């Protein structure tokens, strides 16, 4: 094991990166949802809910990680704020997915 003068624990950044990836996936799902026939609408809305649930899970994992780790690559307040904003963004995407009604053909 290599000792460092300033140890780093990248797990928090990895969790933030995974949260951002969920937003990318949710945005793609919302784009699909805008032009999909009514028969496929429910499946895509369920996908949106799954992206939001995964993001919430990652948010709580990050909170637990910040509470239990001694050294973080960014200040705790910044990591918490970024995580909260990413979680709020995906919640808004999920709500937008709920508002988009199925296309009547």
PDB file of N, CA and C in Angstrom:
ATOM      1  N   UNK A   1       0.836  -1.175   0.000  1.00  0.00           N
ATOM      2  CA  UNK A   1       0.000   0.000   0.000  1.00  0.00           C
ATOM      3  C   UNK A   1       0.879   1.236   0.000  1.00  0.00           C
ATOM      4  N   UNK A   2       0.595   2.128  -0.913  1.00  0.00           N
ATOM      5  CA  UNK A   2       1.377   3.332  -1.068  1.00  0.00           C
ATOM      6  C   UNK A   2       0.831   4.432  -0.155  1.00  0.00           C
ATOM      7  N   UNK A   3       1.702   5.054   0.617  1.00  0.00           N
ATOM      8  CA  UNK A   3       1.287   6.155   1.484  1.00  0.00           C
ATOM      9  C   UNK A   3       1.471   7.469   0.751  1.00  0.00           C
ATOM     10  N   UNK A   4       0.532   8.368   0.966  1.00  0.00           N
ATOM     11  CA  UNK A   4       0.614   9.681   0.332  1.00  0.00           C
ATOM     12  C   UNK A   4       0.565  10.764   1.399  1.00  0.00           C
ATOM     13  N   UNK A   5       1.165  11.883   1.084  1.00  0.00           N
ATOM     14  CA  UNK A   5       1.094  13.015   1.987  1.00  0.00           C
ATOM     15  C   UNK A   5      -0.335  13.552   2.045  1.00  0.00           C
ATOM     16  N   UNK A   6      -0.989  13.592   0.894  1.00  0.00           N
ATOM     17  CA  UNK A   6      -2.380  14.028   0.814  1.00  0.00           C
ATOM     18  C   UNK A   6      -3.204  12.895   0.212  1.00  0.00           C
ATOM     19  N   UNK A   7      -3.729  12.001   1.043  1.00  0.00           N
ATOM     20  CA  UNK A   7      -4.493  10.863   0.510  1.00  0.00           C
ATOM     21  C   UNK A   7      -5.766  11.329  -0.179  1.00  0.00           C
ATOM     22  N   UNK A   8      -6.178  10.577  -1.179  1.00  0.00           N
ATOM     23  CA  UNK A   8      -7.395  10.899  -1.924  1.00  0.00           C
ATOM     24  C   UNK A   8      -8.284   9.680  -1.983  1.00  0.00           C
ATOM     25  N   UNK A   9      -9.563   9.906  -1.881  1.00  0.00           N
ATOM     26  CA  UNK A   9     -10.559   8.847  -1.982  1.00  0.00           C
ATOM     27  C   UNK A   9     -11.506   9.234  -3.114  1.00  0.00           C
ATOM     28  N   UNK A  10     -11.362   8.623  -4.299  1.00  0.00           N
ATOM     29  CA  UNK A  10     -12.166   9.033  -5.456  1.00  0.00           C
ATOM     30  C   UNK A  10     -13.593   8.478  -5.470  1.00  0.00           C
ATOM     31  N   UNK A  11     -14.000   7.735  -4.452  1.00  0.00           N
ATOM     32  CA  UNK A  11     -15.328   7.116  -4.464  1.00  0.00           C
ATOM     33  C   UNK A  11     -16.432   8.167  -4.538  1.00  0.00           C
ATOM     34  N   UNK A  12     -16.270   9.288  -3.865  1.00  0.00           N
ATOM     35  CA  UNK A  12     -17.276  10.351  -3.911  1.00  0.00           C
ATOM     36  C   UNK A  12     -17.427  10.919  -5.313  1.00  0.00           C
ATOM     37  N   UNK A  13     -16.324  11.126  -5.990  1.00  0.00           N
ATOM     38  CA  UNK A  13     -16.384  11.631  -7.358  1.00  0.00           C
ATOM     39  C   UNK A  13     -16.992  10.602  -8.298  1.00  0.00           C
ATOM     40  N   UNK A  14     -16.717   9.338  -8.047  1.00  0.00           N
ATOM     41  CA  UNK A  14     -17.316   8.277  -8.865  1.00  0.00           C
ATOM     42  C   UNK A  14     -18.832   8.247  -8.693  1.00  0.00           C
ATOM     43  N   UNK A  15     -19.304   8.446  -7.469  1.00  0.00           N
ATOM     44  CA  UNK A  15     -20.751   8.485  -7.232  1.00  0.00           C
ATOM     45  C   UNK A  15     -21.386   9.689  -7.922  1.00  0.00           C
ATOM     46  N   UNK A  16     -20.719  10.839  -7.861  1.00  0.00           N
ATOM     47  CA  UNK A  16     -21.235  12.019  -8.567  1.00  0.00           C
ATOM     48  C   UNK A  16     -21.273  11.782 -10.071  1.00  0.00           C
ATOM     49  N   UNK A  17     -20.252  11.119 -10.588  1.00  0.00           N
ATOM     50  CA  UNK A  17     -20.205  10.806 -12.012  1.00  0.00           C
ATOM     51  C   UNK A  17     -21.343   9.870 -12.403  1.00  0.00           C
ATOM     52  N   UNK A  18     -21.630   8.890 -11.560  1.00  0.00           N
ATOM     53  CA  UNK A  18     -22.739   7.975 -11.846  1.00  0.00           C
ATOM     54  C   UNK A  18     -24.082   8.708 -11.798  1.00  0.00           C
ATOM     55  N   UNK A  19     -24.208   9.671 -10.886  1.00  0.00           N
ATOM     56  CA  UNK A  19     -25.441  10.475 -10.843  1.00  0.00           C
ATOM     57  C   UNK A  19     -25.603  11.279 -12.128  1.00  0.00           C
ATOM     58  N   UNK A  20     -24.513  11.865 -12.594  1.00  0.00           N
ATOM     59  CA  UNK A  20     -24.566  12.631 -13.837  1.00  0.00           C
ATOM     60  C   UNK A  20     -24.929  11.724 -15.011  1.00  0.00           C
ATOM     61  N   UNK A  21     -24.423  10.494 -15.003  1.00  0.00           N
ATOM     62  CA  UNK A  21     -24.750   9.540 -16.065  1.00  0.00           C
ATOM     63  C   UNK A  21     -26.240   9.204 -16.050  1.00  0.00           C
ATOM     64  N   UNK A  22     -26.837   9.130 -14.877  1.00  0.00           N
ATOM     65  CA  UNK A  22     -28.277   8.872 -14.792  1.00  0.00           C
ATOM     66  C   UNK A  22     -29.070  10.020 -15.413  1.00  0.00           C
ATOM     67  N   UNK A  23     -28.575  11.249 -15.274  1.00  0.00           N
ATOM     68  CA  UNK A  23     -29.240  12.397 -15.897  1.00  0.00           C
ATOM     69  C   UNK A  23     -29.142  12.294 -17.410  1.00  0.00           C
ATOM     70  N   UNK A  24     -27.998  11.882 -17.921  1.00  0.00           N
ATOM     71  CA  UNK A  24     -27.835  11.699 -19.366  1.00  0.00           C
ATOM     72  C   UNK A  24     -28.825  10.644 -19.873  1.00  0.00           C
ATOM     73  N   UNK A  25     -28.917   9.531 -19.158  1.00  0.00           N
ATOM     74  CA  UNK A  25     -29.842   8.470 -19.563  1.00  0.00           C
ATOM     75  C   UNK A  25     -31.293   8.925 -19.471  1.00  0.00           C
ATOM     76  N   UNK A  26     -31.633   9.665 -18.412  1.00  0.00           N
ATOM     77  CA  UNK A  26     -32.996  10.165 -18.260  1.00  0.00           C
ATOM     78  C   UNK A  26     -33.334  11.177 -19.344  1.00  0.00           C
ATOM     79  N   UNK A  27     -32.374  12.002 -19.741  1.00  0.00           N
ATOM     80  CA  UNK A  27     -32.607  12.971 -20.821  1.00  0.00           C
ATOM     81  C   UNK A  27     -32.870  12.247 -22.135  1.00  0.00           C
ATOM     82  N   UNK A  28     -32.129  11.191 -22.385  1.00  0.00           N
ATOM     83  CA  UNK A  28     -32.353  10.407 -23.602  1.00  0.00           C
ATOM     84  C   UNK A  28     -33.721   9.740 -23.566  1.00  0.00           C
ATOM     85  N   UNK A  29     -34.112   9.244 -22.413  1.00  0.00           N
ATOM     86  CA  UNK A  29     -35.425   8.621 -22.273  1.00  0.00           C
ATOM     87  C   UNK A  29     -36.529   9.650 -22.487  1.00  0.00           C
ATOM     88  N   UNK A  30     -36.351  10.854 -21.942  1.00  0.00           N
ATOM     89  CA  UNK A  30     -37.347  11.913 -22.126  1.00  0.00           C
ATOM     90  C   UNK A  30     -37.441  12.305 -23.597  1.00  0.00           C
ATOM     91  N   UNK A  31     -36.314  12.344 -24.296  1.00  0.00           N
ATOM     92  CA  UNK A  31     -36.341  12.656 -25.723  1.00  0.00           C
ATOM     93  C   UNK A  31     -37.116  11.588 -26.493  1.00  0.00           C
ATOM     94  N   UNK A  32     -36.942  10.334 -26.134  1.00  0.00           N
ATOM     95  CA  UNK A  32     -37.715   9.255 -26.761  1.00  0.00           C
ATOM     96  C   UNK A  32     -39.197   9.396 -26.440  1.00  0.00           C
ATOM     97  N   UNK A  33     -39.481   9.805 -25.231  1.00  0.00           N
ATOM     98  CA  UNK A  33     -40.851   9.894 -24.744  1.00  0.00           C
ATOM     99  C   UNK A  33     -41.661  10.943 -25.505  1.00  0.00           C
ATOM    100  N   UNK A  34     -40.986  11.940 -26.037  1.00  0.00           N
ATOM    101  CA  UNK A  34     -41.697  13.030 -26.705  1.00  0.00           C
ATOM    102  C   UNK A  34     -42.373  12.605 -28.003  1.00  0.00           C
ATOM    103  N   UNK A  35     -41.881  11.580 -28.667  1.00  0.00           N
ATOM    104  CA  UNK A  35     -42.477  11.193 -29.935  1.00  0.00           C
ATOM    105  C   UNK A  35     -42.944   9.755 -30.009  1.00  0.00           C
ATOM    106  N   UNK A  36     -43.089   9.117 -28.875  1.00  0.00           N
ATOM    107  CA  UNK A  36     -43.413   7.706 -28.868  1.00  0.00           C
ATOM    108  C   UNK A  36     -44.931   7.485 -28.977  1.00  0.00           C
ATOM    109  N   UNK A  37     -45.344   6.412 -29.620  1.00  0.00           N
ATOM    110  CA  UNK A  37     -46.776   6.088 -29.651  1.00  0.00           C
ATOM    111  C   UNK A  37     -47.295   5.765 -28.244  1.00  0.00           C
ATOM    112  N   UNK A  38     -48.600   5.849 -28.087  1.00  0.00           N
ATOM    113  CA  UNK A  38     -49.223   5.656 -26.779  1.00  0.00           C
ATOM    114  C   UNK A  38     -48.920   4.292 -26.177  1.00  0.00           C
ATOM    115  N   UNK A  39     -48.744   3.272 -27.012  1.00  0.00           N
ATOM    116  CA  UNK A  39     -48.507   1.921 -26.511  1.00  0.00           C
ATOM    117  C   UNK A  39     -47.174   1.799 -25.771  1.00  0.00           C
ATOM    118  N   UNK A  40     -46.206   2.604 -26.129  1.00  0.00           N
ATOM    119  CA  UNK A  40     -44.878   2.522 -25.521  1.00  0.00           C
ATOM    120  C   UNK A  40     -44.660   3.554 -24.420  1.00  0.00           C
ATOM    121  N   UNK A  41     -45.627   4.408 -24.190  1.00  0.00           N
ATOM    122  CA  UNK A  41     -45.477   5.503 -23.230  1.00  0.00           C
ATOM    123  C   UNK A  41     -45.229   4.996 -21.808  1.00  0.00           C
ATOM    124  N   UNK A  42     -45.998   4.018 -21.358  1.00  0.00           N
ATOM    125  CA  UNK A  42     -45.892   3.537 -19.982  1.00  0.00           C
ATOM    126  C   UNK A  42     -44.514   2.942 -19.688  1.00  0.00           C
ATOM    127  N   UNK A  43     -43.933   2.231 -20.659  1.00  0.00           N
ATOM    128  CA  UNK A  43     -42.620   1.631 -20.453  1.00  0.00           C
ATOM    129  C   UNK A  43     -41.549   2.705 -20.274  1.00  0.00           C
ATOM    130  N   UNK A  44     -41.618   3.760 -21.089  1.00  0.00           N
ATOM    131  CA  UNK A  44     -40.615   4.818 -20.980  1.00  0.00           C
ATOM    132  C   UNK A  44     -40.779   5.628 -19.699  1.00  0.00           C
ATOM    133  N   UNK A  45     -42.019   5.826 -19.264  1.00  0.00           N
ATOM    134  CA  UNK A  45     -42.235   6.512 -17.985  1.00  0.00           C
ATOM    135  C   UNK A  45     -41.665   5.671 -16.847  1.00  0.00           C
ATOM    136  N   UNK A  46     -41.836   4.372 -16.933  1.00  0.00           N
ATOM    137  CA  UNK A  46     -41.260   3.477 -15.924  1.00  0.00           C
ATOM    138  C   UNK A  46     -39.733   3.557 -15.952  1.00  0.00           C
ATOM    139  N   UNK A  47     -39.139   3.656 -17.133  1.00  0.00           N
ATOM    140  CA  UNK A  47     -37.689   3.841 -17.241  1.00  0.00           C
ATOM    141  C   UNK A  47     -37.250   5.144 -16.569  1.00  0.00           C
ATOM    142  N   UNK A  48     -38.049   6.200 -16.755  1.00  0.00           N
ATOM    143  CA  UNK A  48     -37.741   7.484 -16.109  1.00  0.00           C
ATOM    144  C   UNK A  48     -37.760   7.328 -14.595  1.00  0.00           C
ATOM    145  N   UNK A  49     -38.753   6.620 -14.077  1.00  0.00           N
ATOM    146  CA  UNK A  49     -38.830   6.390 -12.631  1.00  0.00           C
ATOM    147  C   UNK A  49     -37.617   5.600 -12.144  1.00  0.00           C
ATOM    148  N   UNK A  50     -37.173   4.639 -12.935  1.00  0.00           N
ATOM    149  CA  UNK A  50     -36.002   3.847 -12.559  1.00  0.00           C
ATOM    150  C   UNK A  50     -34.732   4.694 -12.522  1.00  0.00           C
ATOM    151  N   UNK A  51     -34.590   5.614 -13.478  1.00  0.00           N
ATOM    152  CA  UNK A  51     -33.429   6.516 -13.474  1.00  0.00           C
ATOM    153  C   UNK A  51     -33.454   7.404 -12.234  1.00  0.00           C
ATOM    154  N   UNK A  52     -34.633   7.889 -11.896  1.00  0.00           N
ATOM    155  CA  UNK A  52     -34.765   8.752 -10.720  1.00  0.00           C
ATOM    156  C   UNK A  52     -34.467   7.966  -9.445  1.00  0.00           C
ATOM    157  N   UNK A  53     -34.949   6.742  -9.359  1.00  0.00           N
ATOM    158  CA  UNK A  53     -34.694   5.909  -8.178  1.00  0.00           C
ATOM    159  C   UNK A  53     -33.209   5.592  -8.039  1.00  0.00           C
ATOM    160  N   UNK A  54     -32.546   5.299  -9.147  1.00  0.00           N
ATOM    161  CA  UNK A  54     -31.108   5.011  -9.118  1.00  0.00           C
ATOM    162  C   UNK A  54     -30.333   6.252  -8.684  1.00  0.00           C
ATOM    163  N   UNK A  55     -30.759   7.428  -9.156  1.00  0.00           N
ATOM    164  CA  UNK A  55     -30.095   8.666  -8.765  1.00  0.00           C
ATOM    165  C   UNK A  55     -30.271   8.935  -7.272  1.00  0.00           C
ATOM    166  N   UNK A  56     -31.467   8.693  -6.751  1.00  0.00           N
ATOM    167  CA  UNK A  56     -31.699   8.875  -5.315  1.00  0.00           C
ATOM    168  C   UNK A  56     -30.845   7.908  -4.507  1.00  0.00           C
ATOM    169  N   UNK A  57     -30.724   6.684  -4.984  1.00  0.00           N
ATOM    170  CA  UNK A  57     -29.878   5.684  -4.317  1.00  0.00           C
ATOM    171  C   UNK A  57     -28.420   6.138  -4.296  1.00  0.00           C
ATOM    172  N   UNK A  58     -27.947   6.675  -5.414  1.00  0.00           N
ATOM    173  CA  UNK A  58     -26.572   7.172  -5.481  1.00  0.00           C
ATOM    174  C   UNK A  58     -26.381   8.392  -4.579  1.00  0.00           C
ATOM    175  N   UNK A  59     -27.391   9.249  -4.503  1.00  0.00           N
ATOM    176  CA  UNK A  59     -27.335  10.437  -3.642  1.00  0.00           C
ATOM    177  C   UNK A  59     -27.154  10.010  -2.182  1.00  0.00           C
ATOM    178  N   UNK A  60     -27.948   9.036  -1.736  1.00  0.00           N
ATOM    179  CA  UNK A  60     -27.833   8.590  -0.356  1.00  0.00           C
ATOM    180  C   UNK A  60     -26.525   7.836  -0.115  1.00  0.00           C
ATOM    181  N   UNK A  61     -26.046   7.131  -1.127  1.00  0.00           N
ATOM    182  CA  UNK A  61     -24.745   6.465  -1.004  1.00  0.00           C
ATOM    183  C   UNK A  61     -23.634   7.499  -0.844  1.00  0.00           C
ATOM    184  N   UNK A  62     -23.746   8.605  -1.563  1.00  0.00           N
ATOM    185  CA  UNK A  62     -22.747   9.668  -1.441  1.00  0.00           C
ATOM    186  C   UNK A  62     -22.804  10.308  -0.055  1.00  0.00           C
ATOM    187  N   UNK A  63     -24.021  10.535   0.449  1.00  0.00           N
ATOM    188  CA  UNK A  63     -24.139  11.102   1.797  1.00  0.00           C
ATOM    189  C   UNK A  63     -23.501  10.178   2.829  1.00  0.00           C
ATOM    190  N   UNK A  64     -23.732   8.887   2.691  1.00  0.00           N
ATOM    191  CA  UNK A  64     -23.130   7.925   3.608  1.00  0.00           C
ATOM    192  C   UNK A  64     -21.615   7.928   3.466  1.00  0.00           C
ATOM    193  N   UNK A  65     -21.149   7.981   2.230  1.00  0.00           N
ATOM    194  CA  UNK A  65     -19.696   7.998   1.991  1.00  0.00           C
ATOM    195  C   UNK A  65     -19.055   9.240   2.614  1.00  0.00           C
ATOM    196  N   UNK A  66     -19.687  10.392   2.439  1.00  0.00           N
ATOM    197  CA  UNK A  66     -19.111  11.624   2.989  1.00  0.00           C
ATOM    198  C   UNK A  66     -19.099  11.590   4.515  1.00  0.00           C
ATOM    199  N   UNK A  67     -20.099  10.953   5.090  1.00  0.00           N
ATOM    200  CA  UNK A  67     -20.172  10.874   6.542  1.00  0.00           C
ATOM    201  C   UNK A  67     -19.116   9.919   7.107  1.00  0.00           C
ATOM    202  N   UNK A  68     -18.733   8.916   6.337  1.00  0.00           N
ATOM    203  CA  UNK A  68     -17.815   7.901   6.855  1.00  0.00           C
ATOM    204  C   UNK A  68     -16.372   8.061   6.386  1.00  0.00           C
ATOM    205  N   UNK A  69     -16.132   8.890   5.391  1.00  0.00           N
ATOM    206  CA  UNK A  69     -14.751   9.037   4.915  1.00  0.00           C
ATOM    207  C   UNK A  69     -14.088  10.240   5.583  1.00  0.00           C
ATOM    208  N   UNK A  70     -12.803  10.117   5.738  1.00  0.00           N
ATOM    209  CA  UNK A  70     -12.041  11.173   6.399  1.00  0.00           C
ATOM    210  C   UNK A  70     -11.546  12.207   5.398  1.00  0.00           C
ATOM    211  N   UNK A  71     -11.117  11.764   4.240  1.00  0.00           N
ATOM    212  CA  UNK A  71     -10.536  12.649   3.241  1.00  0.00           C
ATOM    213  C   UNK A  71     -11.387  12.594   1.972  1.00  0.00           C
ATOM    214  N   UNK A  72     -11.820  13.749   1.524  1.00  0.00           N
ATOM    215  CA  UNK A  72     -12.586  13.853   0.281  1.00  0.00           C
ATOM    216  C   UNK A  72     -11.821  14.726  -0.700  1.00  0.00           C
ATOM    217  N   UNK A  73     -11.966  14.474  -2.008  1.00  0.00           N
ATOM    218  CA  UNK A  73     -11.229  15.268  -2.991  1.00  0.00           C
ATOM    219  C   UNK A  73     -11.746  16.698  -3.111  1.00  0.00           C
ATOM    220  N   UNK A  74     -12.998  16.928  -2.725  1.00  0.00           N
ATOM    221  CA  UNK A  74     -13.609  18.257  -2.733  1.00  0.00           C
ATOM    222  C   UNK A  74     -14.151  18.541  -1.341  1.00  0.00           C
ATOM    223  N   UNK A  75     -14.388  19.803  -1.018  1.00  0.00           N
ATOM    224  CA  UNK A  75     -15.014  20.087   0.276  1.00  0.00           C
ATOM    225  C   UNK A  75     -16.376  19.399   0.387  1.00  0.00           C
ATOM    226  N   UNK A  76     -16.702  18.957   1.577  1.00  0.00           N
ATOM    227  CA  UNK A  76     -17.958  18.231   1.797  1.00  0.00           C
ATOM    228  C   UNK A  76     -19.177  19.043   1.373  1.00  0.00           C
ATOM    229  N   UNK A  77     -19.161  20.328   1.660  1.00  0.00           N
ATOM    230  CA  UNK A  77     -20.301  21.173   1.319  1.00  0.00           C
ATOM    231  C   UNK A  77     -20.518  21.218  -0.195  1.00  0.00           C
ATOM    232  N   UNK A  78     -19.428  21.274  -0.947  1.00  0.00           N
ATOM    233  CA  UNK A  78     -19.527  21.317  -2.404  1.00  0.00           C
ATOM    234  C   UNK A  78     -20.049  19.993  -2.961  1.00  0.00           C
ATOM    235  N   UNK A  79     -19.549  18.893  -2.408  1.00  0.00           N
ATOM    236  CA  UNK A  79     -20.014  17.583  -2.875  1.00  0.00           C
ATOM    237  C   UNK A  79     -21.489  17.393  -2.543  1.00  0.00           C
ATOM    238  N   UNK A  80     -21.890  17.829  -1.366  1.00  0.00           N
ATOM    239  CA  UNK A  80     -23.295  17.714  -0.983  1.00  0.00           C
ATOM    240  C   UNK A  80     -24.171  18.575  -1.897  1.00  0.00           C
ATOM    241  N   UNK A  81     -23.751  19.817  -2.152  1.00  0.00           N
ATOM    242  CA  UNK A  81     -24.543  20.716  -2.999  1.00  0.00           C
ATOM    243  C   UNK A  81     -24.654  20.167  -4.417  1.00  0.00           C
ATOM    244  N   UNK A  82     -23.564  19.703  -4.975  1.00  0.00           N
ATOM    245  CA  UNK A  82     -23.592  19.146  -6.326  1.00  0.00           C
ATOM    246  C   UNK A  82     -24.495  17.917  -6.393  1.00  0.00           C
ATOM    247  N   UNK A  83     -24.410  17.063  -5.398  1.00  0.00           N
ATOM    248  CA  UNK A  83     -25.259  15.879  -5.349  1.00  0.00           C
ATOM    249  C   UNK A  83     -26.734  16.271  -5.254  1.00  0.00           C
ATOM    250  N   UNK A  84     -27.014  17.262  -4.430  1.00  0.00           N
ATOM    251  CA  UNK A  84     -28.403  17.716  -4.273  1.00  0.00           C
ATOM    252  C   UNK A  84     -28.931  18.299  -5.579  1.00  0.00           C
ATOM    253  N   UNK A  85     -28.122  19.094  -6.258  1.00  0.00           N
ATOM    254  CA  UNK A  85     -28.558  19.694  -7.528  1.00  0.00           C
ATOM    255  C   UNK A  85     -28.764  18.637  -8.607  1.00  0.00           C
ATOM    256  N   UNK A  86     -27.874  17.646  -8.660  1.00  0.00           N
ATOM    257  CA  UNK A  86     -28.047  16.564  -9.628  1.00  0.00           C
ATOM    258  C   UNK A  86     -29.320  15.768  -9.334  1.00  0.00           C
ATOM    259  N   UNK A  87     -29.581  15.535  -8.060  1.00  0.00           N
ATOM    260  CA  UNK A  87     -30.789  14.797  -7.681  1.00  0.00           C
ATOM    261  C   UNK A  87     -32.043  15.603  -8.012  1.00  0.00           C
ATOM    262  N   UNK A  88     -32.018  16.908  -7.763  1.00  0.00           N
ATOM    263  CA  UNK A  88     -33.162  17.761  -8.099  1.00  0.00           C
ATOM    264  C   UNK A  88     -33.388  17.805  -9.610  1.00  0.00           C
ATOM    265  N   UNK A  89     -32.310  17.820 -10.370  1.00  0.00           N
ATOM    266  CA  UNK A  89     -32.439  17.863 -11.834  1.00  0.00           C
ATOM    267  C   UNK A  89     -33.133  16.614 -12.357  1.00  0.00           C
ATOM    268  N   UNK A  90     -32.746  15.459 -11.847  1.00  0.00           N
ATOM    269  CA  UNK A  90     -33.375  14.235 -12.345  1.00  0.00           C
ATOM    270  C   UNK A  90     -34.808  14.119 -11.842  1.00  0.00           C
ATOM    271  N   UNK A  91     -35.106  14.672 -10.671  1.00  0.00           N
ATOM    272  CA  UNK A  91     -36.500  14.696 -10.208  1.00  0.00           C
ATOM    273  C   UNK A  91     -37.358  15.531 -11.149  1.00  0.00           C
ATOM    274  N   UNK A  92     -36.812  16.638 -11.644  1.00  0.00           N
ATOM    275  CA  UNK A  92     -37.554  17.490 -12.582  1.00  0.00           C
ATOM    276  C   UNK A  92     -37.726  16.800 -13.934  1.00  0.00           C
ATOM    277  N   UNK A  93     -36.705  16.071 -14.374  1.00  0.00           N
ATOM    278  CA  UNK A  93     -36.836  15.296 -15.608  1.00  0.00           C
ATOM    279  C   UNK A  93     -37.908  14.222 -15.465  1.00  0.00           C
ATOM    280  N   UNK A  94     -37.952  13.586 -14.310  1.00  0.00           N
ATOM    281  CA  UNK A  94     -38.957  12.557 -14.057  1.00  0.00           C
ATOM    282  C   UNK A  94     -40.352  13.177 -14.053  1.00  0.00           C
ATOM    283  N   UNK A  95     -40.484  14.342 -13.437  1.00  0.00           N
ATOM    284  CA  UNK A  95     -41.779  15.022 -13.427  1.00  0.00           C
ATOM    285  C   UNK A  95     -42.188  15.442 -14.832  1.00  0.00           C
ATOM    286  N   UNK A  96     -41.240  15.866 -15.636  1.00  0.00           N
ATOM    287  CA  UNK A  96     -41.544  16.228 -17.023  1.00  0.00           C
ATOM    288  C   UNK A  96     -42.006  15.002 -17.800  1.00  0.00           C
ATOM    289  N   UNK A  97     -41.398  13.866 -17.537  1.00  0.00           N
ATOM    290  CA  UNK A  97     -41.820  12.626 -18.170  1.00  0.00           C
ATOM    291  C   UNK A  97     -43.248  12.255 -17.812  1.00  0.00           C
ATOM    292  N   UNK A  98     -43.627  12.543 -16.586  1.00  0.00           N
ATOM    293  CA  UNK A  98     -45.009  12.286 -16.147  1.00  0.00           C
ATOM    294  C   UNK A  98     -45.990  13.220 -16.860  1.00  0.00           C
ATOM    295  N   UNK A  99     -45.571  14.453 -17.113  1.00  0.00           N
ATOM    296  CA  UNK A  99     -46.476  15.423 -17.743  1.00  0.00           C
ATOM    297  C   UNK A  99     -46.684  15.186 -19.220  1.00  0.00           C
ATOM    298  N   UNK A 100     -45.686  14.610 -19.873  1.00  0.00           N
ATOM    299  CA  UNK A 100     -45.800  14.365 -21.313  1.00  0.00           C
ATOM    300  C   UNK A 100     -46.783  13.226 -21.520  1.00  0.00           C
ATOM    301  N   UNK A 101     -47.885  13.547 -22.145  1.00  0.00           N
ATOM    302  CA  UNK A 101     -48.915  12.541 -22.386  1.00  0.00           C
ATOM    303  C   UNK A 101     -48.620  11.714 -23.616  1.00  0.00           C
ATOM    304  N   UNK A 102     -49.234  10.562 -23.721  1.00  0.00           N
ATOM    305  CA  UNK A 102     -49.022   9.727 -24.904  1.00  0.00           C
ATOM    306  C   UNK A 102     -49.605  10.393 -26.148  1.00  0.00           C
ATOM    307  N   UNK A 103     -48.942  10.160 -27.262  1.00  0.00           N
ATOM    308  CA  UNK A 103     -49.386  10.703 -28.546  1.00  0.00           C
ATOM    309  C   UNK A 103     -50.544   9.858 -29.062  1.00  0.00           C
ATOM    310  N   UNK A 104     -51.627  10.506 -29.395  1.00  0.00           N
ATOM    311  CA  UNK A 104     -52.798   9.800 -29.955  1.00  0.00           C
ATOM    312  C   UNK A 104     -52.642   9.690 -31.463  1.00  0.00           C
ATOM    313  N   UNK A 105     -52.604   8.464 -31.961  1.00  0.00           N
ATOM    314  CA  UNK A 105     -52.449   8.278 -33.412  1.00  0.00           C
ATOM    315  C   UNK A 105     -53.687   7.681 -34.014  1.00  0.00           C
TER     316      UNK A 105
END
